[in-house]
Amino acid sequence: MKISDFKQNNKEDKKQEDLMGQYNDLKDLSQDDLTRKLFEETTRQKQEGTFDYEKLSSTLNSLSMYMPKENFEKMKSILERLK
């Protein structure tokens, strides 16, 4: 194994750990709480000039496999309105 392969694997492991951490932080929240958190994060990012729709969309898509389909679809719909 090349060092570059190890670094890539390590980055992928870190990304997976980050996603699981995000999931664990959000998994027990109600739909209303999830919606509130999304709006709070969006507001914060827009105020700071760091709002990145594509990044949020990508994160939501990455978390989709851990969410009930209904919750994912609701979050996706809300995210579309935030553009």
Protein backbone atom coordinates (compact mmCIF):
# COMPACT_ATOMS: atom_id res chain seq x y z
CA MET A 1 0.00 0.00 0.00
CA LYS A 2 1.28 3.43 -0.94
CA ILE A 3 1.35 6.23 1.58
CA SER A 4 -1.05 8.19 -0.63
CA ASP A 5 -3.49 5.26 -0.48
CA PHE A 6 -3.25 5.25 3.29
CA LYS A 7 -3.89 9.00 3.44
CA GLN A 8 -6.92 8.64 1.16
CA ASN A 9 -8.30 5.78 3.25
CA ASN A 10 -7.72 7.83 6.41
CA LYS A 11 -9.62 10.79 4.89
CA GLU A 12 -12.50 8.51 3.93
CA ASP A 13 -12.57 7.01 7.44
CA LYS A 14 -12.62 10.52 8.94
CA LYS A 15 -15.46 11.57 6.63
CA GLN A 16 -17.46 8.46 7.60
CA GLU A 17 -16.82 9.18 11.29
CA ASP A 18 -17.98 12.79 10.79
CA LEU A 19 -21.15 11.62 9.07
CA MET A 20 -21.89 9.13 11.81
CA GLY A 21 -21.29 11.83 14.41
CA GLN A 22 -23.76 14.11 12.64
CA TYR A 23 -26.25 11.29 12.41
CA ASN A 24 -25.89 10.45 16.11
CA ASP A 25 -26.43 14.11 17.01
CA LEU A 26 -29.64 14.27 14.98
CA LYS A 27 -31.12 10.78 15.02
CA ASP A 28 -33.41 11.23 18.03
CA LEU A 29 -34.71 14.67 17.12
CA SER A 30 -38.29 15.17 16.06
CA GLN A 31 -39.13 16.46 12.59
CA ASP A 32 -39.83 19.89 14.08
CA ASP A 33 -36.46 19.94 15.82
CA LEU A 34 -34.67 18.83 12.66
CA THR A 35 -36.39 21.56 10.68
CA ARG A 36 -35.52 24.16 13.31
CA LYS A 37 -31.87 23.09 13.30
CA LEU A 38 -31.72 23.29 9.53
CA PHE A 39 -33.17 26.82 9.51
CA GLU A 40 -30.82 27.89 12.31
CA GLU A 41 -27.79 26.56 10.48
CA THR A 42 -28.87 28.15 7.21
CA THR A 43 -29.48 31.52 8.89
CA ARG A 44 -26.08 31.37 10.59
CA GLN A 45 -24.30 30.51 7.34
CA LYS A 46 -26.09 33.22 5.36
CA GLN A 47 -25.19 35.82 8.01
CA GLU A 48 -21.55 34.72 7.86
CA GLY A 49 -21.57 34.57 4.06
CA THR A 50 -20.71 30.88 4.13
CA PHE A 51 -24.02 29.38 3.02
CA ASP A 52 -23.27 26.57 0.60
CA TYR A 53 -26.40 24.93 -0.75
CA GLU A 54 -24.41 22.28 -2.59
CA LYS A 55 -22.56 21.25 0.56
CA LEU A 56 -25.76 21.02 2.60
CA SER A 57 -27.42 19.07 -0.16
CA SER A 58 -24.45 16.71 -0.36
CA THR A 59 -24.47 16.20 3.41
CA LEU A 60 -28.19 15.49 3.39
CA ASN A 61 -27.75 12.99 0.57
CA SER A 62 -24.90 11.32 2.46
CA LEU A 63 -27.08 10.96 5.54
CA SER A 64 -30.08 9.70 3.57
CA MET A 65 -29.18 6.04 4.05
CA TYR A 66 -29.51 6.49 7.80
CA MET A 67 -32.82 8.36 7.72
CA PRO A 68 -36.34 7.13 7.19
CA LYS A 69 -37.29 7.94 3.61
CA GLU A 70 -40.12 10.21 4.73
CA ASN A 71 -37.76 12.34 6.85
CA PHE A 72 -35.25 12.55 4.04
CA GLU A 73 -37.90 13.72 1.58
CA LYS A 74 -39.16 16.37 4.01
CA MET A 75 -35.64 17.64 4.67
CA LYS A 76 -34.91 17.68 0.95
CA SER A 77 -38.08 19.70 0.32
CA ILE A 78 -37.13 22.20 3.01
CA LEU A 79 -33.61 22.49 1.66
CA GLU A 80 -34.97 23.27 -1.81
CA ARG A 81 -36.86 26.24 -0.33
CA LEU A 82 -33.64 27.58 1.21
CA LYS A 83 -31.82 28.14 -2.07
